[in-house]
Amino acid sequence: MMADLPDNDRPTMDLASALAAMSHESRLQEQSLLQVLDHLPERCRNVVLWHHRDQQNYEEIGVRLNLSPEAVRQLHREAIALVARELHQPSEP
């Protein structure tokens, strides 16, 4: 079937290659995120991981940290802002 397509209508790479490239990009993004998370203050890192990875709400996290849900929400906001700032900084040469 692909042989019936004009050259400019054929995909430039096969599906396996496209998936491998996407998978590689996803792994690089995940590595970058994990590196940034490793550099966060421990409480901020824990809040982000517990909230996003473990699906805990702010009240549940607050119990673990002996903080109010609002204090946990604020820690989460600060952590996400730090992560965003780090991920959007240009890499050093």
PDB file of N, CA and C in Angstrom:
ATOM      1  N   MET A   1       0.798  -1.201   0.000  1.00  0.00           N
ATOM      2  CA  MET A   1       0.000   0.000   0.000  1.00  0.00           C
ATOM      3  C   MET A   1       0.838   1.261   0.000  1.00  0.00           C
ATOM      4  N   MET A   2       1.903   1.257   0.818  1.00  0.00           N
ATOM      5  CA  MET A   2       2.755   2.435   0.895  1.00  0.00           C
ATOM      6  C   MET A   2       3.412   2.714  -0.445  1.00  0.00           C
ATOM      7  N   ALA A   3       3.653   1.656  -1.234  1.00  0.00           N
ATOM      8  CA  ALA A   3       4.291   1.833  -2.529  1.00  0.00           C
ATOM      9  C   ALA A   3       3.396   2.631  -3.462  1.00  0.00           C
ATOM     10  N   ASP A   4       2.071   2.637  -3.201  1.00  0.00           N
ATOM     11  CA  ASP A   4       1.139   3.370  -4.041  1.00  0.00           C
ATOM     12  C   ASP A   4       1.142   4.870  -3.738  1.00  0.00           C
ATOM     13  N   LEU A   5       1.729   5.273  -2.619  1.00  0.00           N
ATOM     14  CA  LEU A   5       1.736   6.682  -2.239  1.00  0.00           C
ATOM     15  C   LEU A   5       2.839   7.430  -2.964  1.00  0.00           C
ATOM     16  N   PRO A   6       2.563   8.672  -3.351  1.00  0.00           N
ATOM     17  CA  PRO A   6       3.650   9.480  -3.903  1.00  0.00           C
ATOM     18  C   PRO A   6       4.710   9.681  -2.823  1.00  0.00           C
ATOM     19  N   ASP A   7       5.957   9.924  -3.225  1.00  0.00           N
ATOM     20  CA  ASP A   7       7.068  10.073  -2.270  1.00  0.00           C
ATOM     21  C   ASP A   7       6.784  11.103  -1.190  1.00  0.00           C
ATOM     22  N   ASN A   8       6.170  12.232  -1.539  1.00  0.00           N
ATOM     23  CA  ASN A   8       5.948  13.281  -0.540  1.00  0.00           C
ATOM     24  C   ASN A   8       4.816  12.941   0.430  1.00  0.00           C
ATOM     25  N   ASP A   9       4.046  11.865   0.169  1.00  0.00           N
ATOM     26  CA  ASP A   9       2.986  11.449   1.086  1.00  0.00           C
ATOM     27  C   ASP A   9       3.403  10.290   1.979  1.00  0.00           C
ATOM     28  N   ARG A  10       4.584   9.747   1.757  1.00  0.00           N
ATOM     29  CA  ARG A  10       5.059   8.633   2.580  1.00  0.00           C
ATOM     30  C   ARG A  10       5.606   9.163   3.904  1.00  0.00           C
ATOM     31  N   PRO A  11       5.378   8.434   4.973  1.00  0.00           N
ATOM     32  CA  PRO A  11       5.966   8.856   6.252  1.00  0.00           C
ATOM     33  C   PRO A  11       7.485   8.855   6.152  1.00  0.00           C
ATOM     34  N   THR A  12       8.123   9.778   6.869  1.00  0.00           N
ATOM     35  CA  THR A  12       9.574   9.859   6.816  1.00  0.00           C
ATOM     36  C   THR A  12      10.241   8.821   7.693  1.00  0.00           C
ATOM     37  N   MET A  13       9.523   8.273   8.674  1.00  0.00           N
ATOM     38  CA  MET A  13      10.072   7.193   9.495  1.00  0.00           C
ATOM     39  C   MET A  13       8.965   6.213   9.823  1.00  0.00           C
ATOM     40  N   ASP A  14       9.348   4.997  10.102  1.00  0.00           N
ATOM     41  CA  ASP A  14       8.317   4.011  10.412  1.00  0.00           C
ATOM     42  C   ASP A  14       7.814   4.211  11.843  1.00  0.00           C
ATOM     43  N   LEU A  15       6.734   3.555  12.171  1.00  0.00           N
ATOM     44  CA  LEU A  15       6.099   3.712  13.477  1.00  0.00           C
ATOM     45  C   LEU A  15       7.036   3.332  14.612  1.00  0.00           C
ATOM     46  N   ALA A  16       7.776   2.264  14.469  1.00  0.00           N
ATOM     47  CA  ALA A  16       8.692   1.831  15.531  1.00  0.00           C
ATOM     48  C   ALA A  16       9.747   2.895  15.807  1.00  0.00           C
ATOM     49  N   SER A  17      10.277   3.499  14.741  1.00  0.00           N
ATOM     50  CA  SER A  17      11.275   4.554  14.917  1.00  0.00           C
ATOM     51  C   SER A  17      10.666   5.779  15.586  1.00  0.00           C
ATOM     52  N   ALA A  18       9.449   6.116  15.191  1.00  0.00           N
ATOM     53  CA  ALA A  18       8.769   7.268  15.792  1.00  0.00           C
ATOM     54  C   ALA A  18       8.515   7.025  17.278  1.00  0.00           C
ATOM     55  N   LEU A  19       8.050   5.823  17.617  1.00  0.00           N
ATOM     56  CA  LEU A  19       7.803   5.500  19.022  1.00  0.00           C
ATOM     57  C   LEU A  19       9.098   5.490  19.823  1.00  0.00           C
ATOM     58  N   ALA A  20      10.162   4.978  19.243  1.00  0.00           N
ATOM     59  CA  ALA A  20      11.453   4.965  19.928  1.00  0.00           C
ATOM     60  C   ALA A  20      11.938   6.385  20.185  1.00  0.00           C
ATOM     61  N   ALA A  21      11.767   7.261  19.200  1.00  0.00           N
ATOM     62  CA  ALA A  21      12.185   8.659  19.371  1.00  0.00           C
ATOM     63  C   ALA A  21      11.355   9.333  20.451  1.00  0.00           C
ATOM     64  N   MET A  22      10.044   9.075  20.460  1.00  0.00           N
ATOM     65  CA  MET A  22       9.190   9.656  21.491  1.00  0.00           C
ATOM     66  C   MET A  22       9.571   9.113  22.857  1.00  0.00           C
ATOM     67  N   SER A  23       9.825   7.820  22.914  1.00  0.00           N
ATOM     68  CA  SER A  23      10.196   7.192  24.168  1.00  0.00           C
ATOM     69  C   SER A  23      11.507   7.773  24.699  1.00  0.00           C
ATOM     70  N   HIS A  24      12.463   7.967  23.812  1.00  0.00           N
ATOM     71  CA  HIS A  24      13.747   8.553  24.204  1.00  0.00           C
ATOM     72  C   HIS A  24      13.545   9.969  24.747  1.00  0.00           C
ATOM     73  N   GLU A  25      12.734  10.760  24.065  1.00  0.00           N
ATOM     74  CA  GLU A  25      12.450  12.132  24.517  1.00  0.00           C
ATOM     75  C   GLU A  25      11.764  12.111  25.877  1.00  0.00           C
ATOM     76  N   SER A  26      10.830  11.199  26.066  1.00  0.00           N
ATOM     77  CA  SER A  26      10.143  11.083  27.351  1.00  0.00           C
ATOM     78  C   SER A  26      11.119  10.718  28.468  1.00  0.00           C
ATOM     79  N   ARG A  27      12.039   9.801  28.172  1.00  0.00           N
ATOM     80  CA  ARG A  27      13.040   9.416  29.186  1.00  0.00           C
ATOM     81  C   ARG A  27      13.931  10.600  29.540  1.00  0.00           C
ATOM     82  N   LEU A  28      14.316  11.396  28.545  1.00  0.00           N
ATOM     83  CA  LEU A  28      15.148  12.566  28.815  1.00  0.00           C
ATOM     84  C   LEU A  28      14.401  13.574  29.681  1.00  0.00           C
ATOM     85  N   GLN A  29      13.124  13.782  29.375  1.00  0.00           N
ATOM     86  CA  GLN A  29      12.321  14.704  30.172  1.00  0.00           C
ATOM     87  C   GLN A  29      12.164  14.193  31.597  1.00  0.00           C
ATOM     88  N   GLU A  30      11.938  12.902  31.741  1.00  0.00           N
ATOM     89  CA  GLU A  30      11.795  12.312  33.070  1.00  0.00           C
ATOM     90  C   GLU A  30      13.093  12.448  33.864  1.00  0.00           C
ATOM     91  N   GLN A  31      14.237  12.206  33.210  1.00  0.00           N
ATOM     92  CA  GLN A  31      15.531  12.363  33.880  1.00  0.00           C
ATOM     93  C   GLN A  31      15.731  13.807  34.340  1.00  0.00           C
ATOM     94  N   SER A  32      15.394  14.761  33.493  1.00  0.00           N
ATOM     95  CA  SER A  32      15.539  16.171  33.853  1.00  0.00           C
ATOM     96  C   SER A  32      14.672  16.505  35.051  1.00  0.00           C
ATOM     97  N   LEU A  33      13.437  16.034  35.035  1.00  0.00           N
ATOM     98  CA  LEU A  33      12.528  16.300  36.140  1.00  0.00           C
ATOM     99  C   LEU A  33      13.043  15.684  37.434  1.00  0.00           C
ATOM    100  N   LEU A  34      13.517  14.451  37.370  1.00  0.00           N
ATOM    101  CA  LEU A  34      14.042  13.796  38.575  1.00  0.00           C
ATOM    102  C   LEU A  34      15.263  14.524  39.124  1.00  0.00           C
ATOM    103  N   GLN A  35      16.112  15.032  38.243  1.00  0.00           N
ATOM    104  CA  GLN A  35      17.281  15.792  38.695  1.00  0.00           C
ATOM    105  C   GLN A  35      16.852  17.065  39.412  1.00  0.00           C
ATOM    106  N   VAL A  36      15.854  17.745  38.861  1.00  0.00           N
ATOM    107  CA  VAL A  36      15.357  18.969  39.496  1.00  0.00           C
ATOM    108  C   VAL A  36      14.728  18.630  40.843  1.00  0.00           C
ATOM    109  N   LEU A  37      13.926  17.577  40.891  1.00  0.00           N
ATOM    110  CA  LEU A  37      13.294  17.180  42.154  1.00  0.00           C
ATOM    111  C   LEU A  37      14.339  16.841  43.212  1.00  0.00           C
ATOM    112  N   ASP A  38      15.427  16.219  42.808  1.00  0.00           N
ATOM    113  CA  ASP A  38      16.495  15.873  43.756  1.00  0.00           C
ATOM    114  C   ASP A  38      17.112  17.095  44.417  1.00  0.00           C
ATOM    115  N   HIS A  39      17.034  18.240  43.752  1.00  0.00           N
ATOM    116  CA  HIS A  39      17.642  19.454  44.287  1.00  0.00           C
ATOM    117  C   HIS A  39      16.670  20.312  45.087  1.00  0.00           C
ATOM    118  N   LEU A  40      15.416  19.905  45.154  1.00  0.00           N
ATOM    119  CA  LEU A  40      14.448  20.651  45.961  1.00  0.00           C
ATOM    120  C   LEU A  40      14.695  20.394  47.439  1.00  0.00           C
ATOM    121  N   PRO A  41      14.300  21.349  48.272  1.00  0.00           N
ATOM    122  CA  PRO A  41      14.315  21.070  49.713  1.00  0.00           C
ATOM    123  C   PRO A  41      13.458  19.831  49.995  1.00  0.00           C
ATOM    124  N   GLU A  42      13.847  19.056  50.992  1.00  0.00           N
ATOM    125  CA  GLU A  42      13.210  17.762  51.247  1.00  0.00           C
ATOM    126  C   GLU A  42      11.696  17.860  51.391  1.00  0.00           C
ATOM    127  N   ARG A  43      11.218  18.823  52.146  1.00  0.00           N
ATOM    128  CA  ARG A  43       9.763  18.934  52.341  1.00  0.00           C
ATOM    129  C   ARG A  43       9.045  19.233  51.039  1.00  0.00           C
ATOM    130  N   CYS A  44       9.604  20.122  50.231  1.00  0.00           N
ATOM    131  CA  CYS A  44       8.989  20.441  48.938  1.00  0.00           C
ATOM    132  C   CYS A  44       8.975  19.208  48.037  1.00  0.00           C
ATOM    133  N   ARG A  45      10.095  18.502  47.991  1.00  0.00           N
ATOM    134  CA  ARG A  45      10.187  17.292  47.164  1.00  0.00           C
ATOM    135  C   ARG A  45       9.148  16.262  47.608  1.00  0.00           C
ATOM    136  N   ASN A  46       9.051  16.048  48.926  1.00  0.00           N
ATOM    137  CA  ASN A  46       8.083  15.082  49.436  1.00  0.00           C
ATOM    138  C   ASN A  46       6.653  15.470  49.089  1.00  0.00           C
ATOM    139  N   VAL A  47       6.327  16.738  49.227  1.00  0.00           N
ATOM    140  CA  VAL A  47       4.969  17.193  48.904  1.00  0.00           C
ATOM    141  C   VAL A  47       4.652  16.914  47.436  1.00  0.00           C
ATOM    142  N   VAL A  48       5.580  17.233  46.550  1.00  0.00           N
ATOM    143  CA  VAL A  48       5.349  17.002  45.120  1.00  0.00           C
ATOM    144  C   VAL A  48       5.189  15.513  44.843  1.00  0.00           C
ATOM    145  N   LEU A  49       6.080  14.700  45.377  1.00  0.00           N
ATOM    146  CA  LEU A  49       6.007  13.257  45.127  1.00  0.00           C
ATOM    147  C   LEU A  49       4.748  12.640  45.726  1.00  0.00           C
ATOM    148  N   TRP A  50       4.438  12.979  46.956  1.00  0.00           N
ATOM    149  CA  TRP A  50       3.255  12.413  47.589  1.00  0.00           C
ATOM    150  C   TRP A  50       1.978  12.838  46.865  1.00  0.00           C
ATOM    151  N   HIS A  51       1.943  14.091  46.414  1.00  0.00           N
ATOM    152  CA  HIS A  51       0.736  14.595  45.759  1.00  0.00           C
ATOM    153  C   HIS A  51       0.581  14.010  44.356  1.00  0.00           C
ATOM    154  N   HIS A  52       1.649  14.014  43.567  1.00  0.00           N
ATOM    155  CA  HIS A  52       1.541  13.601  42.166  1.00  0.00           C
ATOM    156  C   HIS A  52       1.764  12.103  41.960  1.00  0.00           C
ATOM    157  N   ARG A  53       2.723  11.536  42.621  1.00  0.00           N
ATOM    158  CA  ARG A  53       3.008  10.112  42.437  1.00  0.00           C
ATOM    159  C   ARG A  53       2.039   9.246  43.242  1.00  0.00           C
ATOM    160  N   ASP A  54       1.829   9.632  44.508  1.00  0.00           N
ATOM    161  CA  ASP A  54       1.020   8.814  45.410  1.00  0.00           C
ATOM    162  C   ASP A  54      -0.441   9.257  45.479  1.00  0.00           C
ATOM    163  N   GLN A  55      -0.775  10.337  44.761  1.00  0.00           N
ATOM    164  CA  GLN A  55      -2.157  10.830  44.682  1.00  0.00           C
ATOM    165  C   GLN A  55      -2.744  11.179  46.053  1.00  0.00           C
ATOM    166  N   GLN A  56      -1.896  11.690  46.957  1.00  0.00           N
ATOM    167  CA  GLN A  56      -2.398  12.115  48.260  1.00  0.00           C
ATOM    168  C   GLN A  56      -2.872  13.559  48.161  1.00  0.00           C
ATOM    169  N   ASN A  57      -3.944  13.876  48.873  1.00  0.00           N
ATOM    170  CA  ASN A  57      -4.418  15.261  48.873  1.00  0.00           C
ATOM    171  C   ASN A  57      -3.668  16.061  49.936  1.00  0.00           C
ATOM    172  N   TYR A  58      -3.906  17.363  49.939  1.00  0.00           N
ATOM    173  CA  TYR A  58      -3.167  18.245  50.850  1.00  0.00           C
ATOM    174  C   TYR A  58      -3.443  17.918  52.316  1.00  0.00           C
ATOM    175  N   GLU A  59      -4.649  17.498  52.618  1.00  0.00           N
ATOM    176  CA  GLU A  59      -4.972  17.143  54.005  1.00  0.00           C
ATOM    177  C   GLU A  59      -4.174  15.919  54.448  1.00  0.00           C
ATOM    178  N   GLU A  60      -4.101  14.894  53.600  1.00  0.00           N
ATOM    179  CA  GLU A  60      -3.349  13.679  53.931  1.00  0.00           C
ATOM    180  C   GLU A  60      -1.861  13.995  54.112  1.00  0.00           C
ATOM    181  N   ILE A  61      -1.335  14.829  53.234  1.00  0.00           N
ATOM    182  CA  ILE A  61       0.079  15.215  53.341  1.00  0.00           C
ATOM    183  C   ILE A  61       0.293  16.036  54.602  1.00  0.00           C
ATOM    184  N   GLY A  62      -0.660  16.896  54.904  1.00  0.00           N
ATOM    185  CA  GLY A  62      -0.564  17.714  56.114  1.00  0.00           C
ATOM    186  C   GLY A  62      -0.474  16.877  57.373  1.00  0.00           C
ATOM    187  N   VAL A  63      -1.214  15.790  57.412  1.00  0.00           N
ATOM    188  CA  VAL A  63      -1.151  14.882  58.570  1.00  0.00           C
ATOM    189  C   VAL A  63       0.255  14.307  58.695  1.00  0.00           C
ATOM    190  N   ARG A  64       0.835  13.906  57.561  1.00  0.00           N
ATOM    191  CA  ARG A  64       2.194  13.336  57.576  1.00  0.00           C
ATOM    192  C   ARG A  64       3.228  14.339  58.052  1.00  0.00           C
ATOM    193  N   LEU A  65       3.029  15.615  57.672  1.00  0.00           N
ATOM    194  CA  LEU A  65       4.021  16.640  57.991  1.00  0.00           C
ATOM    195  C   LEU A  65       3.638  17.508  59.182  1.00  0.00           C
ATOM    196  N   ASN A  66       2.472  17.219  59.767  1.00  0.00           N
ATOM    197  CA  ASN A  66       1.967  18.028  60.871  1.00  0.00           C
ATOM    198  C   ASN A  66       1.806  19.492  60.448  1.00  0.00           C
ATOM    199  N   LEU A  67       1.182  19.672  59.266  1.00  0.00           N
ATOM    200  CA  LEU A  67       0.921  21.003  58.717  1.00  0.00           C
ATOM    201  C   LEU A  67      -0.541  21.090  58.310  1.00  0.00           C
ATOM    202  N   SER A  68      -1.033  22.314  58.212  1.00  0.00           N
ATOM    203  CA  SER A  68      -2.392  22.511  57.718  1.00  0.00           C
ATOM    204  C   SER A  68      -2.423  22.249  56.210  1.00  0.00           C
ATOM    205  N   PRO A  69      -3.592  21.914  55.679  1.00  0.00           N
ATOM    206  CA  PRO A  69      -3.699  21.730  54.230  1.00  0.00           C
ATOM    207  C   PRO A  69      -3.263  22.985  53.456  1.00  0.00           C
ATOM    208  N   GLU A  70      -3.555  24.150  53.994  1.00  0.00           N
ATOM    209  CA  GLU A  70      -3.135  25.393  53.315  1.00  0.00           C
ATOM    210  C   GLU A  70      -1.618  25.536  53.292  1.00  0.00           C
ATOM    211  N   ALA A  71      -0.953  25.149  54.368  1.00  0.00           N
ATOM    212  CA  ALA A  71       0.517  25.202  54.388  1.00  0.00           C
ATOM    213  C   ALA A  71       1.096  24.216  53.364  1.00  0.00           C
ATOM    214  N   VAL A  72       0.479  23.048  53.246  1.00  0.00           N
ATOM    215  CA  VAL A  72       0.925  22.069  52.256  1.00  0.00           C
ATOM    216  C   VAL A  72       0.701  22.614  50.856  1.00  0.00           C
ATOM    217  N   ARG A  73      -0.447  23.238  50.626  1.00  0.00           N
ATOM    218  CA  ARG A  73      -0.746  23.840  49.322  1.00  0.00           C
ATOM    219  C   ARG A  73       0.316  24.879  48.956  1.00  0.00           C
ATOM    220  N   GLN A  74       0.706  25.684  49.929  1.00  0.00           N
ATOM    221  CA  GLN A  74       1.726  26.704  49.688  1.00  0.00           C
ATOM    222  C   GLN A  74       3.081  26.058  49.365  1.00  0.00           C
ATOM    223  N   LEU A  75       3.457  25.011  50.102  1.00  0.00           N
ATOM    224  CA  LEU A  75       4.698  24.292  49.800  1.00  0.00           C
ATOM    225  C   LEU A  75       4.664  23.719  48.386  1.00  0.00           C
ATOM    226  N   HIS A  76       3.514  23.183  48.008  1.00  0.00           N
ATOM    227  CA  HIS A  76       3.354  22.618  46.666  1.00  0.00           C
ATOM    228  C   HIS A  76       3.532  23.704  45.605  1.00  0.00           C
ATOM    229  N   ARG A  77       2.896  24.847  45.813  1.00  0.00           N
ATOM    230  CA  ARG A  77       3.038  25.968  44.867  1.00  0.00           C
ATOM    231  C   ARG A  77       4.504  26.382  44.734  1.00  0.00           C
ATOM    232  N   GLU A  78       5.180  26.507  45.855  1.00  0.00           N
ATOM    233  CA  GLU A  78       6.594  26.901  45.833  1.00  0.00           C
ATOM    234  C   GLU A  78       7.432  25.860  45.096  1.00  0.00           C
ATOM    235  N   ALA A  79       7.172  24.593  45.369  1.00  0.00           N
ATOM    236  CA  ALA A  79       7.938  23.526  44.729  1.00  0.00           C
ATOM    237  C   ALA A  79       7.719  23.528  43.220  1.00  0.00           C
ATOM    238  N   ILE A  80       6.484  23.663  42.799  1.00  0.00           N
ATOM    239  CA  ILE A  80       6.181  23.665  41.360  1.00  0.00           C
ATOM    240  C   ILE A  80       6.826  24.869  40.690  1.00  0.00           C
ATOM    241  N   ALA A  81       6.829  26.018  41.348  1.00  0.00           N
ATOM    242  CA  ALA A  81       7.482  27.204  40.790  1.00  0.00           C
ATOM    243  C   ALA A  81       8.988  26.975  40.649  1.00  0.00           C
ATOM    244  N   LEU A  82       9.606  26.340  41.645  1.00  0.00           N
ATOM    245  CA  LEU A  82      11.037  26.037  41.565  1.00  0.00           C
ATOM    246  C   LEU A  82      11.332  25.056  40.431  1.00  0.00           C
ATOM    247  N   VAL A  83      10.499  24.045  40.303  1.00  0.00           N
ATOM    248  CA  VAL A  83      10.685  23.057  39.234  1.00  0.00           C
ATOM    249  C   VAL A  83      10.560  23.736  37.870  1.00  0.00           C
ATOM    250  N   ALA A  84       9.525  24.538  37.706  1.00  0.00           N
ATOM    251  CA  ALA A  84       9.318  25.226  36.424  1.00  0.00           C
ATOM    252  C   ALA A  84      10.496  26.135  36.094  1.00  0.00           C
ATOM    253  N   ARG A  85      10.965  26.861  37.088  1.00  0.00           N
ATOM    254  CA  ARG A  85      12.097  27.776  36.878  1.00  0.00           C
ATOM    255  C   ARG A  85      13.327  26.992  36.435  1.00  0.00           C
ATOM    256  N   GLU A  86      13.616  25.896  37.120  1.00  0.00           N
ATOM    257  CA  GLU A  86      14.794  25.085  36.783  1.00  0.00           C
ATOM    258  C   GLU A  86      14.685  24.451  35.397  1.00  0.00           C
ATOM    259  N   LEU A  87      13.506  23.949  35.062  1.00  0.00           N
ATOM    260  CA  LEU A  87      13.336  23.275  33.770  1.00  0.00           C
ATOM    261  C   LEU A  87      13.399  24.259  32.595  1.00  0.00           C
ATOM    262  N   HIS A  88      13.088  25.519  32.851  1.00  0.00           N
ATOM    263  CA  HIS A  88      13.071  26.490  31.765  1.00  0.00           C
ATOM    264  C   HIS A  88      14.343  27.314  31.668  1.00  0.00           C
ATOM    265  N   GLN A  89      15.292  27.077  32.575  1.00  0.00           N
ATOM    266  CA  GLN A  89      16.578  27.764  32.468  1.00  0.00           C
ATOM    267  C   GLN A  89      17.364  27.155  31.334  1.00  0.00           C
ATOM    268  N   PRO A  90      18.037  28.013  30.561  1.00  0.00           N
ATOM    269  CA  PRO A  90      18.875  27.442  29.502  1.00  0.00           C
ATOM    270  C   PRO A  90      20.011  26.635  30.105  1.00  0.00           C
ATOM    271  N   SER A  91      20.367  25.558  29.440  1.00  0.00           N
ATOM    272  CA  SER A  91      21.484  24.720  29.908  1.00  0.00           C
ATOM    273  C   SER A  91      22.790  25.472  29.762  1.00  0.00           C
ATOM    274  N   GLU A  92      23.709  25.175  30.681  1.00  0.00           N
ATOM    275  CA  GLU A  92      25.032  25.786  30.562  1.00  0.00           C
ATOM    276  C   GLU A  92      25.827  25.034  29.514  1.00  0.00           C
ATOM    277  N   PRO A  93      26.638  25.765  28.743  1.00  0.00           N
ATOM    278  CA  PRO A  93      27.408  25.097  27.670  1.00  0.00           C
ATOM    279  C   PRO A  93      28.441  24.141  28.181  1.00  0.00           C
TER     280      PRO A  93
END
